[in-house]
N, C-alpha and C. Protein backbone atom coordinates (compact mmCIF):
# COMPACT_ATOMS: atom_id res chain seq x y z
N MET A 1 0.84 -1.08 0.17
CA MET A 1 -0.20 0.06 -0.18
C MET A 1 0.85 1.28 -0.04
N PHE A 2 1.99 1.18 0.82
CA PHE A 2 2.81 2.49 1.04
C PHE A 2 3.42 2.53 -0.51
N GLU A 3 3.95 1.57 -1.10
CA GLU A 3 4.58 1.88 -2.60
C GLU A 3 3.59 2.34 -3.58
N ARG A 4 2.30 1.80 -3.50
CA ARG A 4 1.25 2.55 -4.28
C ARG A 4 1.03 3.93 -3.97
N LYS A 5 1.08 4.38 -2.74
CA LYS A 5 0.96 5.76 -2.52
C LYS A 5 2.00 6.57 -3.12
N LEU A 6 3.25 5.88 -2.93
CA LEU A 6 4.52 6.75 -3.28
C LEU A 6 4.45 6.74 -4.90
N GLN A 7 3.79 5.83 -5.48
CA GLN A 7 3.84 5.82 -7.01
C GLN A 7 2.70 6.93 -7.33
N THR A 8 1.73 6.93 -6.69
CA THR A 8 0.64 8.13 -7.16
C THR A 8 1.30 9.37 -6.74
N LYS A 9 2.10 9.60 -5.69
CA LYS A 9 2.64 10.81 -5.21
C LYS A 9 3.63 11.15 -6.60
N ASN A 10 4.27 10.14 -7.03
CA ASN A 10 5.21 10.71 -7.97
C ASN A 10 4.54 10.93 -9.32
N LEU A 11 3.41 10.15 -9.63
CA LEU A 11 2.81 10.58 -10.80
C LEU A 11 2.16 11.91 -10.82
N PHE A 12 1.66 12.29 -9.34
CA PHE A 12 0.97 13.56 -9.30
C PHE A 12 2.05 14.74 -9.43
N ARG A 13 3.20 14.38 -8.90
CA ARG A 13 4.24 15.50 -9.09
C ARG A 13 4.61 15.56 -10.52
N GLY A 14 4.73 14.49 -11.44
CA GLY A 14 5.15 14.63 -12.81
C GLY A 14 4.09 15.22 -13.53
N ARG A 15 2.85 15.15 -13.11
CA ARG A 15 1.47 15.76 -13.77
C ARG A 15 1.57 17.33 -13.47
N MET A 16 2.07 17.82 -12.25
CA MET A 16 2.09 19.03 -11.86
C MET A 16 3.25 19.89 -12.51
N LYS A 17 4.33 19.11 -12.82
CA LYS A 17 5.45 19.74 -13.48
C LYS A 17 5.01 20.11 -14.92
N LYS A 18 4.36 18.98 -15.40
CA LYS A 18 3.77 19.12 -16.95
C LYS A 18 2.92 20.44 -16.94
N MET A 19 2.03 20.35 -15.93
CA MET A 19 0.94 21.65 -15.90
C MET A 19 1.99 22.93 -15.79
N LYS A 20 2.88 22.85 -14.88
CA LYS A 20 3.61 24.14 -14.68
C LYS A 20 4.30 24.61 -16.06
N LYS A 21 4.76 23.70 -16.83
CA LYS A 21 5.50 23.99 -18.17
C LYS A 21 4.42 24.50 -18.96
N ILE A 22 3.29 23.81 -19.10
CA ILE A 22 2.13 24.45 -20.02
C ILE A 22 1.83 25.62 -19.61
N VAL A 23 1.53 25.96 -18.27
CA VAL A 23 1.22 27.23 -17.88
C VAL A 23 2.26 28.26 -18.20
N LEU A 24 3.70 27.94 -18.10
CA LEU A 24 4.56 28.94 -18.29
C LEU A 24 4.63 29.09 -19.89
N ALA A 25 4.40 28.14 -20.66
CA ALA A 25 4.31 28.33 -22.13
C ALA A 25 3.18 29.17 -22.64
N MET A 26 2.01 29.03 -21.86
CA MET A 26 0.93 29.95 -22.29
C MET A 26 1.07 31.29 -21.77
N ALA A 27 1.94 31.44 -20.63
CA ALA A 27 2.19 32.71 -20.12
C ALA A 27 3.07 33.53 -21.18
N ALA A 28 4.27 32.88 -21.49
CA ALA A 28 5.15 33.43 -22.39
C ALA A 28 4.37 33.74 -23.65
N ALA A 29 3.66 32.90 -24.32
CA ALA A 29 3.03 33.01 -25.52
C ALA A 29 2.02 34.37 -25.38
N SER A 30 1.48 34.39 -24.41
CA SER A 30 0.52 35.42 -24.15
C SER A 30 1.16 36.81 -23.96
N VAL A 31 2.37 36.84 -23.50
CA VAL A 31 3.36 37.96 -23.38
C VAL A 31 4.03 38.44 -24.57
N VAL A 32 4.41 37.53 -25.53
CA VAL A 32 4.80 37.76 -26.76
C VAL A 32 3.84 38.21 -27.66
N GLY A 33 2.68 37.36 -27.57
CA GLY A 33 1.59 37.79 -28.51
C GLY A 33 0.98 39.10 -28.09
């Protein structure tokens, strides 16, 4: 169970990183545009 929790945490962290990248890209695009 603990391993499963850790896996979910890593997955969530990866998703957050991806979201951050997308948000930053959108912000940069809006600034340039």
